[in-house]
N, C-alpha and C. Protein backbone atom coordinates (compact mmCIF):
# COMPACT_ATOMS: atom_id res chain seq x y z
N MET A 1 -9.03 -21.17 -9.50
CA MET A 1 -9.18 -19.87 -8.91
C MET A 1 -8.88 -19.97 -7.42
N ILE A 2 -8.30 -18.93 -6.92
CA ILE A 2 -7.86 -18.93 -5.55
C ILE A 2 -9.02 -18.79 -4.58
N GLY A 3 -8.95 -19.56 -3.49
CA GLY A 3 -9.79 -19.35 -2.35
C GLY A 3 -11.28 -19.51 -2.54
N LEU A 4 -11.72 -20.34 -3.45
CA LEU A 4 -13.15 -20.49 -3.62
C LEU A 4 -13.69 -21.64 -2.77
N VAL A 5 -12.87 -22.14 -1.90
CA VAL A 5 -13.28 -23.23 -1.02
C VAL A 5 -13.42 -22.68 0.38
N PHE A 6 -14.53 -22.95 1.00
CA PHE A 6 -14.72 -22.56 2.39
C PHE A 6 -14.15 -23.69 3.24
N CYS A 7 -13.31 -23.33 4.19
CA CYS A 7 -12.68 -24.38 4.98
C CYS A 7 -12.71 -24.03 6.46
N ALA A 8 -12.52 -25.03 7.26
CA ALA A 8 -12.54 -24.83 8.70
C ALA A 8 -11.41 -23.92 9.15
N GLY A 9 -10.35 -23.81 8.37
CA GLY A 9 -9.24 -22.94 8.72
C GLY A 9 -9.65 -21.48 8.82
N LEU A 10 -10.74 -21.12 8.19
CA LEU A 10 -11.21 -19.74 8.27
C LEU A 10 -11.72 -19.39 9.65
N LEU A 11 -12.02 -20.39 10.43
CA LEU A 11 -12.63 -20.15 11.72
C LEU A 11 -11.73 -19.34 12.63
N THR A 12 -10.44 -19.34 12.39
CA THR A 12 -9.53 -18.59 13.23
C THR A 12 -9.75 -17.09 13.11
N ALA A 13 -10.43 -16.66 12.07
CA ALA A 13 -10.68 -15.23 11.90
C ALA A 13 -11.95 -14.77 12.60
N CYS A 14 -12.66 -15.67 13.21
CA CYS A 14 -13.90 -15.30 13.89
C CYS A 14 -13.60 -14.46 15.12
N ALA A 15 -14.55 -13.65 15.48
CA ALA A 15 -14.38 -12.77 16.64
C ALA A 15 -14.19 -13.61 17.90
N SER A 16 -13.41 -13.06 18.83
CA SER A 16 -13.22 -13.74 20.10
C SER A 16 -13.78 -12.87 21.20
N GLY A 17 -13.73 -13.37 22.40
CA GLY A 17 -14.25 -12.62 23.52
C GLY A 17 -15.51 -13.28 24.04
N PRO A 18 -16.30 -12.53 24.83
CA PRO A 18 -17.47 -13.14 25.45
C PRO A 18 -18.46 -13.69 24.44
N ASP A 19 -18.58 -13.06 23.30
CA ASP A 19 -19.52 -13.54 22.29
C ASP A 19 -18.85 -14.44 21.26
N GLY A 20 -17.60 -14.79 21.51
CA GLY A 20 -16.84 -15.61 20.57
C GLY A 20 -17.48 -16.94 20.28
N ALA A 21 -18.00 -17.63 21.30
CA ALA A 21 -18.63 -18.93 21.10
C ALA A 21 -19.90 -18.78 20.26
N GLU A 22 -20.66 -17.74 20.54
CA GLU A 22 -21.88 -17.51 19.76
C GLU A 22 -21.53 -17.17 18.31
N MET A 23 -20.50 -16.35 18.13
CA MET A 23 -20.07 -15.98 16.78
C MET A 23 -19.59 -17.22 16.04
N GLN A 24 -18.84 -18.06 16.73
CA GLN A 24 -18.34 -19.30 16.13
C GLN A 24 -19.51 -20.18 15.70
N ALA A 25 -20.52 -20.28 16.55
CA ALA A 25 -21.69 -21.10 16.23
C ALA A 25 -22.42 -20.55 15.02
N THR A 26 -22.54 -19.23 14.94
CA THR A 26 -23.20 -18.61 13.78
C THR A 26 -22.40 -18.87 12.52
N PHE A 27 -21.08 -18.67 12.61
CA PHE A 27 -20.24 -18.94 11.43
C PHE A 27 -20.39 -20.39 10.99
N ASN A 28 -20.34 -21.31 11.95
CA ASN A 28 -20.46 -22.74 11.64
C ASN A 28 -21.81 -23.07 11.03
N ALA A 29 -22.86 -22.39 11.48
CA ALA A 29 -24.19 -22.61 10.88
C ALA A 29 -24.15 -22.22 9.40
N GLY A 30 -23.50 -21.11 9.09
CA GLY A 30 -23.35 -20.71 7.70
C GLY A 30 -22.57 -21.73 6.90
N LEU A 31 -21.53 -22.28 7.50
CA LEU A 31 -20.72 -23.30 6.84
C LEU A 31 -21.55 -24.55 6.55
N THR A 32 -22.35 -24.96 7.52
CA THR A 32 -23.23 -26.13 7.33
C THR A 32 -24.23 -25.86 6.21
N GLN A 33 -24.80 -24.67 6.19
CA GLN A 33 -25.76 -24.31 5.14
C GLN A 33 -25.07 -24.30 3.77
N TYR A 34 -23.88 -23.75 3.73
CA TYR A 34 -23.14 -23.69 2.47
C TYR A 34 -22.84 -25.10 1.96
N ASP A 35 -22.31 -25.93 2.85
CA ASP A 35 -21.96 -27.31 2.47
C ASP A 35 -23.18 -28.10 1.99
N ALA A 36 -24.35 -27.76 2.52
CA ALA A 36 -25.59 -28.43 2.12
C ALA A 36 -26.16 -27.86 0.82
N GLY A 37 -25.50 -26.82 0.27
CA GLY A 37 -25.98 -26.22 -0.96
C GLY A 37 -27.07 -25.19 -0.76
N ASN A 38 -27.33 -24.82 0.49
CA ASN A 38 -28.34 -23.82 0.78
C ASN A 38 -27.64 -22.45 0.80
N PHE A 39 -27.29 -21.98 -0.38
CA PHE A 39 -26.47 -20.77 -0.51
C PHE A 39 -27.17 -19.52 0.00
N SER A 40 -28.46 -19.41 -0.23
CA SER A 40 -29.18 -18.21 0.24
C SER A 40 -29.11 -18.10 1.75
N ALA A 41 -29.32 -19.20 2.45
CA ALA A 41 -29.27 -19.19 3.92
C ALA A 41 -27.85 -18.92 4.40
N ALA A 42 -26.86 -19.54 3.75
CA ALA A 42 -25.46 -19.32 4.14
C ALA A 42 -25.08 -17.86 3.94
N TYR A 43 -25.46 -17.31 2.80
CA TYR A 43 -25.16 -15.91 2.53
C TYR A 43 -25.77 -15.02 3.62
N GLN A 44 -27.04 -15.23 3.93
CA GLN A 44 -27.71 -14.39 4.93
C GLN A 44 -27.07 -14.55 6.30
N THR A 45 -26.70 -15.78 6.66
CA THR A 45 -26.07 -16.02 7.96
C THR A 45 -24.76 -15.27 8.06
N TRP A 46 -23.93 -15.39 7.04
CA TRP A 46 -22.64 -14.70 7.08
C TRP A 46 -22.80 -13.19 6.92
N HIS A 47 -23.75 -12.78 6.13
CA HIS A 47 -24.01 -11.34 5.95
C HIS A 47 -24.38 -10.70 7.29
N ASP A 48 -25.11 -11.43 8.12
CA ASP A 48 -25.53 -10.91 9.42
C ASP A 48 -24.36 -10.66 10.37
N ILE A 49 -23.23 -11.35 10.16
CA ILE A 49 -22.09 -11.18 11.07
C ILE A 49 -20.84 -10.61 10.38
N GLU A 50 -20.96 -10.21 9.13
CA GLU A 50 -19.79 -9.78 8.37
C GLU A 50 -19.09 -8.56 8.97
N ASP A 51 -19.82 -7.74 9.73
CA ASP A 51 -19.20 -6.56 10.32
C ASP A 51 -18.32 -6.89 11.52
N VAL A 52 -18.45 -8.07 12.05
CA VAL A 52 -17.66 -8.46 13.24
C VAL A 52 -16.84 -9.72 13.02
N ASP A 53 -16.90 -10.31 11.83
CA ASP A 53 -16.19 -11.56 11.55
C ASP A 53 -15.57 -11.49 10.16
N LEU A 54 -14.24 -11.43 10.13
CA LEU A 54 -13.54 -11.30 8.84
C LEU A 54 -13.77 -12.48 7.91
N ALA A 55 -13.81 -13.69 8.46
CA ALA A 55 -14.03 -14.86 7.62
C ALA A 55 -15.43 -14.81 6.99
N ALA A 56 -16.42 -14.37 7.76
CA ALA A 56 -17.77 -14.24 7.21
C ALA A 56 -17.79 -13.17 6.12
N LEU A 57 -17.09 -12.08 6.34
CA LEU A 57 -16.99 -11.01 5.34
C LEU A 57 -16.38 -11.55 4.06
N ARG A 58 -15.31 -12.31 4.18
CA ARG A 58 -14.67 -12.92 3.01
C ARG A 58 -15.64 -13.86 2.29
N ASN A 59 -16.35 -14.67 3.05
CA ASN A 59 -17.28 -15.62 2.44
C ASN A 59 -18.41 -14.91 1.70
N VAL A 60 -18.91 -13.82 2.29
CA VAL A 60 -19.94 -13.02 1.62
C VAL A 60 -19.39 -12.48 0.30
N ALA A 61 -18.16 -12.01 0.32
CA ALA A 61 -17.54 -11.48 -0.91
C ALA A 61 -17.42 -12.58 -1.96
N ILE A 62 -17.01 -13.76 -1.55
CA ILE A 62 -16.89 -14.87 -2.52
C ILE A 62 -18.25 -15.21 -3.11
N MET A 63 -19.28 -15.23 -2.26
CA MET A 63 -20.61 -15.57 -2.75
C MET A 63 -21.13 -14.49 -3.70
N LEU A 64 -20.82 -13.24 -3.41
CA LEU A 64 -21.18 -12.16 -4.34
C LEU A 64 -20.43 -12.32 -5.66
N ARG A 65 -19.18 -12.71 -5.57
CA ARG A 65 -18.36 -12.89 -6.77
C ARG A 65 -18.93 -14.00 -7.65
N LYS A 66 -19.38 -15.06 -7.03
CA LYS A 66 -19.86 -16.23 -7.77
C LYS A 66 -21.36 -16.21 -8.04
N GLY A 67 -22.08 -15.31 -7.37
CA GLY A 67 -23.53 -15.29 -7.51
C GLY A 67 -24.18 -16.48 -6.82
N GLN A 68 -23.68 -16.85 -5.66
CA GLN A 68 -24.23 -17.97 -4.90
C GLN A 68 -25.16 -17.44 -3.80
N GLY A 69 -26.43 -17.73 -3.91
CA GLY A 69 -27.38 -17.31 -2.90
C GLY A 69 -27.73 -15.84 -2.96
N VAL A 70 -27.17 -15.16 -3.92
CA VAL A 70 -27.35 -13.73 -4.09
C VAL A 70 -27.00 -13.39 -5.53
N GLU A 71 -27.51 -12.28 -6.02
CA GLU A 71 -27.17 -11.86 -7.38
C GLU A 71 -25.67 -11.56 -7.47
N LYS A 72 -25.06 -12.00 -8.53
CA LYS A 72 -23.63 -11.77 -8.75
C LYS A 72 -23.37 -10.27 -8.82
N ASP A 73 -22.37 -9.83 -8.06
CA ASP A 73 -22.04 -8.40 -8.02
C ASP A 73 -20.53 -8.27 -7.77
N LEU A 74 -19.78 -8.18 -8.85
CA LEU A 74 -18.31 -8.15 -8.73
C LEU A 74 -17.82 -6.90 -8.02
N LYS A 75 -18.49 -5.78 -8.22
CA LYS A 75 -18.06 -4.54 -7.56
C LYS A 75 -18.21 -4.66 -6.04
N ALA A 76 -19.37 -5.11 -5.60
CA ALA A 76 -19.60 -5.27 -4.16
C ALA A 76 -18.67 -6.34 -3.59
N ALA A 77 -18.44 -7.41 -4.35
CA ALA A 77 -17.54 -8.47 -3.90
C ALA A 77 -16.14 -7.92 -3.68
N ARG A 78 -15.68 -7.12 -4.62
CA ARG A 78 -14.34 -6.55 -4.52
C ARG A 78 -14.22 -5.61 -3.32
N ILE A 79 -15.23 -4.81 -3.09
CA ILE A 79 -15.21 -3.88 -1.95
C ILE A 79 -15.14 -4.64 -0.63
N LYS A 80 -15.95 -5.68 -0.50
CA LYS A 80 -15.96 -6.47 0.73
C LYS A 80 -14.66 -7.23 0.90
N MET A 81 -14.15 -7.79 -0.19
CA MET A 81 -12.90 -8.55 -0.10
C MET A 81 -11.75 -7.62 0.28
N GLU A 82 -11.78 -6.41 -0.23
CA GLU A 82 -10.74 -5.46 0.12
C GLU A 82 -10.80 -5.09 1.60
N ARG A 83 -11.99 -4.98 2.14
CA ARG A 83 -12.12 -4.71 3.59
C ARG A 83 -11.47 -5.83 4.40
N ALA A 84 -11.75 -7.07 4.04
CA ALA A 84 -11.17 -8.21 4.76
C ALA A 84 -9.65 -8.27 4.55
N ALA A 85 -9.20 -7.98 3.35
CA ALA A 85 -7.76 -7.99 3.06
C ALA A 85 -7.04 -6.90 3.83
N ASN A 86 -7.61 -5.71 3.84
CA ASN A 86 -7.00 -4.60 4.59
C ASN A 86 -6.95 -4.87 6.08
N ALA A 87 -7.88 -5.68 6.57
CA ALA A 87 -7.91 -6.03 7.99
C ALA A 87 -6.89 -7.11 8.33
N GLY A 88 -6.22 -7.65 7.29
CA GLY A 88 -5.14 -8.60 7.53
C GLY A 88 -5.46 -10.06 7.30
N LEU A 89 -6.64 -10.39 6.81
CA LEU A 89 -6.99 -11.78 6.55
C LEU A 89 -6.24 -12.25 5.30
N VAL A 90 -5.28 -13.14 5.49
CA VAL A 90 -4.40 -13.57 4.39
C VAL A 90 -5.19 -14.22 3.26
N THR A 91 -6.18 -15.03 3.58
CA THR A 91 -6.97 -15.65 2.51
C THR A 91 -7.70 -14.59 1.69
N ALA A 92 -8.14 -13.53 2.33
CA ALA A 92 -8.80 -12.43 1.60
C ALA A 92 -7.80 -11.69 0.73
N GLN A 93 -6.56 -11.55 1.20
CA GLN A 93 -5.53 -10.90 0.40
C GLN A 93 -5.28 -11.72 -0.88
N ALA A 94 -5.19 -13.03 -0.73
CA ALA A 94 -5.00 -13.90 -1.90
C ALA A 94 -6.21 -13.82 -2.83
N ASP A 95 -7.40 -13.87 -2.24
CA ASP A 95 -8.62 -13.81 -3.05
C ASP A 95 -8.76 -12.48 -3.78
N LEU A 96 -8.41 -11.39 -3.10
CA LEU A 96 -8.49 -10.08 -3.74
C LEU A 96 -7.51 -10.02 -4.91
N GLY A 97 -6.30 -10.52 -4.72
CA GLY A 97 -5.34 -10.57 -5.81
C GLY A 97 -5.89 -11.37 -6.99
N ASP A 98 -6.51 -12.50 -6.69
CA ASP A 98 -7.11 -13.33 -7.73
C ASP A 98 -8.22 -12.58 -8.46
N MET A 99 -9.06 -11.88 -7.71
CA MET A 99 -10.14 -11.12 -8.32
C MET A 99 -9.59 -10.05 -9.26
N LEU A 100 -8.55 -9.37 -8.81
CA LEU A 100 -7.97 -8.28 -9.60
C LEU A 100 -7.29 -8.80 -10.87
N VAL A 101 -6.79 -10.02 -10.82
CA VAL A 101 -6.15 -10.61 -12.00
C VAL A 101 -7.18 -11.21 -12.96
N ASN A 102 -8.21 -11.85 -12.42
CA ASN A 102 -9.09 -12.66 -13.25
C ASN A 102 -10.46 -12.09 -13.55
N ASP A 103 -10.92 -11.08 -12.80
CA ASP A 103 -12.25 -10.52 -13.03
C ASP A 103 -12.12 -9.20 -13.77
N GLU A 104 -13.24 -8.76 -14.29
CA GLU A 104 -13.28 -7.46 -14.98
C GLU A 104 -13.74 -6.38 -14.01
N PRO A 105 -13.19 -5.21 -14.00
CA PRO A 105 -12.03 -4.82 -14.79
C PRO A 105 -10.76 -5.40 -14.19
N ARG A 106 -9.91 -5.89 -15.05
CA ARG A 106 -8.66 -6.52 -14.65
C ARG A 106 -7.67 -5.43 -14.25
N ASP A 107 -6.95 -5.66 -13.14
CA ASP A 107 -5.98 -4.68 -12.66
C ASP A 107 -4.80 -5.42 -12.01
N VAL A 108 -3.90 -5.91 -12.86
CA VAL A 108 -2.76 -6.70 -12.37
C VAL A 108 -1.88 -5.87 -11.46
N ALA A 109 -1.69 -4.60 -11.78
CA ALA A 109 -0.84 -3.74 -10.94
C ALA A 109 -1.38 -3.68 -9.51
N ALA A 110 -2.69 -3.59 -9.36
CA ALA A 110 -3.29 -3.56 -8.03
C ALA A 110 -3.24 -4.94 -7.36
N ALA A 111 -3.24 -6.00 -8.16
CA ALA A 111 -3.21 -7.36 -7.61
C ALA A 111 -1.85 -7.73 -7.04
N LEU A 112 -0.79 -7.22 -7.65
CA LEU A 112 0.56 -7.64 -7.26
C LEU A 112 0.87 -7.50 -5.77
N PRO A 113 0.62 -6.35 -5.15
CA PRO A 113 0.95 -6.28 -3.72
C PRO A 113 0.12 -7.22 -2.85
N TRP A 114 -1.14 -7.47 -3.24
CA TRP A 114 -1.96 -8.39 -2.46
C TRP A 114 -1.45 -9.81 -2.59
N LEU A 115 -1.13 -10.22 -3.80
CA LEU A 115 -0.60 -11.56 -4.00
C LEU A 115 0.75 -11.73 -3.31
N ALA A 116 1.60 -10.70 -3.41
CA ALA A 116 2.91 -10.77 -2.77
C ALA A 116 2.77 -10.85 -1.25
N ARG A 117 1.86 -10.08 -0.69
CA ARG A 117 1.65 -10.10 0.77
C ARG A 117 1.16 -11.48 1.21
N ALA A 118 0.20 -12.03 0.49
CA ALA A 118 -0.35 -13.34 0.85
C ALA A 118 0.70 -14.44 0.65
N ALA A 119 1.46 -14.36 -0.44
CA ALA A 119 2.51 -15.36 -0.69
C ALA A 119 3.57 -15.30 0.40
N ALA A 120 3.95 -14.09 0.81
CA ALA A 120 4.95 -13.94 1.87
C ALA A 120 4.45 -14.50 3.19
N ALA A 121 3.13 -14.49 3.38
CA ALA A 121 2.53 -15.03 4.60
C ALA A 121 2.33 -16.55 4.51
N GLY A 122 2.73 -17.13 3.38
CA GLY A 122 2.66 -18.58 3.22
C GLY A 122 1.43 -19.11 2.52
N HIS A 123 0.68 -18.26 1.83
CA HIS A 123 -0.51 -18.72 1.11
C HIS A 123 -0.05 -19.33 -0.22
N PRO A 124 -0.15 -20.66 -0.37
CA PRO A 124 0.43 -21.31 -1.56
C PRO A 124 -0.24 -20.96 -2.87
N LEU A 125 -1.55 -20.74 -2.87
CA LEU A 125 -2.22 -20.39 -4.13
C LEU A 125 -1.85 -18.99 -4.59
N ALA A 126 -1.62 -18.09 -3.63
CA ALA A 126 -1.16 -16.75 -3.99
C ALA A 126 0.25 -16.84 -4.59
N ALA A 127 1.09 -17.68 -3.99
CA ALA A 127 2.45 -17.86 -4.52
C ALA A 127 2.39 -18.41 -5.95
N PHE A 128 1.51 -19.37 -6.18
CA PHE A 128 1.37 -19.94 -7.52
C PHE A 128 0.91 -18.88 -8.52
N GLN A 129 -0.10 -18.13 -8.15
CA GLN A 129 -0.61 -17.10 -9.06
C GLN A 129 0.44 -16.03 -9.34
N LEU A 130 1.16 -15.63 -8.31
CA LEU A 130 2.23 -14.65 -8.48
C LEU A 130 3.33 -15.22 -9.37
N GLY A 131 3.64 -16.49 -9.18
CA GLY A 131 4.62 -17.16 -10.03
C GLY A 131 4.22 -17.12 -11.50
N LYS A 132 2.93 -17.33 -11.77
CA LYS A 132 2.45 -17.28 -13.15
C LYS A 132 2.66 -15.89 -13.75
N LEU A 133 2.45 -14.86 -12.95
CA LEU A 133 2.65 -13.50 -13.44
C LEU A 133 4.12 -13.25 -13.76
N TYR A 134 5.01 -13.72 -12.88
CA TYR A 134 6.45 -13.56 -13.14
C TYR A 134 6.90 -14.41 -14.32
N GLU A 135 6.34 -15.58 -14.47
CA GLU A 135 6.72 -16.44 -15.60
C GLU A 135 6.33 -15.79 -16.93
N SER A 136 5.15 -15.19 -16.97
CA SER A 136 4.66 -14.63 -18.23
C SER A 136 5.08 -13.17 -18.43
N GLY A 137 5.51 -12.52 -17.36
CA GLY A 137 5.82 -11.10 -17.47
C GLY A 137 4.56 -10.25 -17.51
N ASP A 138 3.49 -10.75 -16.94
CA ASP A 138 2.20 -10.05 -16.92
C ASP A 138 2.17 -9.07 -15.75
N GLY A 139 2.37 -7.79 -16.03
CA GLY A 139 2.34 -6.76 -15.00
C GLY A 139 3.64 -6.57 -14.26
N VAL A 140 4.58 -7.46 -14.46
CA VAL A 140 5.91 -7.40 -13.84
C VAL A 140 6.93 -7.80 -14.89
N PRO A 141 8.18 -7.40 -14.71
CA PRO A 141 9.19 -7.91 -15.63
C PRO A 141 9.28 -9.43 -15.54
N LYS A 142 9.36 -10.06 -16.68
CA LYS A 142 9.47 -11.52 -16.70
C LYS A 142 10.70 -11.93 -15.90
N ASN A 143 10.53 -12.88 -14.98
CA ASN A 143 11.63 -13.32 -14.13
C ASN A 143 11.40 -14.78 -13.77
N LEU A 144 12.06 -15.67 -14.50
CA LEU A 144 11.88 -17.10 -14.28
C LEU A 144 12.50 -17.56 -12.97
N ILE A 145 13.48 -16.85 -12.47
CA ILE A 145 14.08 -17.22 -11.19
C ILE A 145 13.05 -17.02 -10.07
N VAL A 146 12.40 -15.87 -10.07
CA VAL A 146 11.37 -15.60 -9.06
C VAL A 146 10.19 -16.55 -9.26
N ALA A 147 9.78 -16.76 -10.50
CA ALA A 147 8.67 -17.68 -10.78
C ALA A 147 9.00 -19.06 -10.23
N ARG A 148 10.22 -19.53 -10.47
CA ARG A 148 10.64 -20.84 -9.98
C ARG A 148 10.55 -20.92 -8.46
N GLN A 149 11.04 -19.89 -7.78
CA GLN A 149 10.99 -19.88 -6.31
C GLN A 149 9.55 -19.93 -5.80
N LEU A 150 8.68 -19.14 -6.42
CA LEU A 150 7.28 -19.13 -6.01
C LEU A 150 6.62 -20.47 -6.28
N TYR A 151 6.87 -21.04 -7.45
CA TYR A 151 6.31 -22.35 -7.78
C TYR A 151 6.82 -23.42 -6.81
N GLN A 152 8.10 -23.36 -6.46
CA GLN A 152 8.65 -24.36 -5.54
C GLN A 152 7.94 -24.32 -4.20
N GLY A 153 7.72 -23.12 -3.68
CA GLY A 153 7.01 -22.99 -2.41
C GLY A 153 5.59 -23.50 -2.49
N ALA A 154 4.90 -23.15 -3.57
CA ALA A 154 3.52 -23.59 -3.74
C ALA A 154 3.45 -25.11 -3.94
N ALA A 155 4.37 -25.64 -4.73
CA ALA A 155 4.40 -27.09 -4.97
C ALA A 155 4.69 -27.84 -3.67
N ALA A 156 5.60 -27.31 -2.87
CA ALA A 156 5.92 -27.95 -1.58
C ALA A 156 4.70 -27.97 -0.66
N ALA A 157 3.79 -27.01 -0.84
CA ALA A 157 2.57 -26.95 -0.03
C ALA A 157 1.44 -27.77 -0.65
N GLY A 158 1.72 -28.46 -1.76
CA GLY A 158 0.74 -29.36 -2.34
C GLY A 158 -0.05 -28.82 -3.51
N VAL A 159 0.32 -27.69 -4.07
CA VAL A 159 -0.40 -27.14 -5.23
C VAL A 159 0.12 -27.87 -6.48
N GLU A 160 -0.70 -28.79 -6.97
CA GLU A 160 -0.29 -29.63 -8.10
C GLU A 160 0.03 -28.81 -9.35
N ASP A 161 -0.78 -27.78 -9.62
CA ASP A 161 -0.53 -26.94 -10.80
C ASP A 161 0.82 -26.24 -10.70
N ALA A 162 1.27 -25.93 -9.50
CA ALA A 162 2.58 -25.30 -9.32
C ALA A 162 3.68 -26.31 -9.64
N ALA A 163 3.48 -27.55 -9.23
CA ALA A 163 4.47 -28.59 -9.54
C ALA A 163 4.56 -28.79 -11.05
N LYS A 164 3.43 -28.77 -11.74
CA LYS A 164 3.42 -28.91 -13.20
C LYS A 164 4.10 -27.72 -13.85
N ALA A 165 3.79 -26.52 -13.37
CA ALA A 165 4.40 -25.31 -13.93
C ALA A 165 5.91 -25.34 -13.74
N LEU A 166 6.34 -25.82 -12.60
CA LEU A 166 7.77 -25.92 -12.30
C LEU A 166 8.45 -26.87 -13.28
N GLN A 167 7.81 -27.98 -13.58
CA GLN A 167 8.36 -28.93 -14.54
C GLN A 167 8.43 -28.35 -15.95
N ASN A 168 7.52 -27.45 -16.27
CA ASN A 168 7.47 -26.87 -17.61
C ASN A 168 8.42 -25.70 -17.81
N LEU A 169 9.01 -25.21 -16.72
CA LEU A 169 9.98 -24.12 -16.87
C LEU A 169 11.26 -24.66 -17.49
N PRO A 170 11.97 -23.82 -18.23
CA PRO A 170 13.27 -24.27 -18.74
C PRO A 170 14.20 -24.52 -17.55
N PRO A 171 15.22 -25.34 -17.76
CA PRO A 171 16.13 -25.63 -16.65
C PRO A 171 16.74 -24.34 -16.08
N ALA A 172 16.97 -24.37 -14.80
CA ALA A 172 17.59 -23.21 -14.14
C ALA A 172 19.01 -23.07 -14.65
N PRO A 173 19.45 -21.84 -14.84
CA PRO A 173 20.84 -21.65 -15.29
C PRO A 173 21.78 -22.11 -14.17
N PRO A 174 22.94 -22.60 -14.57
CA PRO A 174 23.90 -23.04 -13.55
C PRO A 174 24.35 -21.83 -12.73
N PRO A 175 24.69 -22.07 -11.47
CA PRO A 175 25.16 -20.94 -10.66
C PRO A 175 26.44 -20.37 -11.26
N SER A 176 26.59 -19.06 -11.15
CA SER A 176 27.81 -18.45 -11.69
C SER A 176 28.99 -18.82 -10.80
N PRO A 177 30.13 -18.97 -11.42
CA PRO A 177 31.30 -19.33 -10.62
C PRO A 177 31.62 -18.21 -9.63
N ALA A 178 32.04 -18.61 -8.46
CA ALA A 178 32.39 -17.63 -7.42
C ALA A 178 33.61 -16.86 -7.87
N VAL A 179 33.57 -15.60 -7.63
CA VAL A 179 34.70 -14.75 -7.97
C VAL A 179 35.71 -14.86 -6.84
N GLN A 180 36.91 -15.22 -7.20
CA GLN A 180 37.96 -15.38 -6.20
C GLN A 180 38.64 -14.05 -6.00
N SER A 181 38.83 -13.69 -4.79
CA SER A 181 39.57 -12.46 -4.53
C SER A 181 40.89 -12.82 -3.86
N SER A 182 41.86 -12.03 -4.14
CA SER A 182 43.18 -12.28 -3.54
C SER A 182 43.43 -11.22 -2.50
N HIS A 183 43.32 -11.62 -1.26
CA HIS A 183 43.57 -10.68 -0.16
C HIS A 183 44.88 -10.99 0.44
């Protein structure tokens, strides 16, 4: 599943300015609590700053989705993830696409633009998930050429499942011969 790992890379989404250092410290405290398995404390820490920190908002949504430190609530998770995605957080765009594809109610049509946006921004897991949709024709016309391109990008970024999927695709058709024109 996409984006279920909290990473230091999220810190770039923290608020900046005079309170930026304090916000960063609060976010980091939540990360420490999460890593220690103290999900309730991590949830509360991030919940307290979710209105001013997109990464915290995303993390709260993930915890709601998984039921970590709080009762599982897919509807609330989706609403919060959509707020972070609409604000431009690429990881939230990928996560929202994943939620729309894999959670109930499933809505692949709504997931496609989020996955495409995140993949275009270089999110490898979004590219992999979008590739799977193109490979299977789930919500989009089946297109192995597009699936191959998406898998190649994701595999180049280290997504092992994308490399495996790429190997399992039928061979690419040979390029069509160039049409010669006589001018």
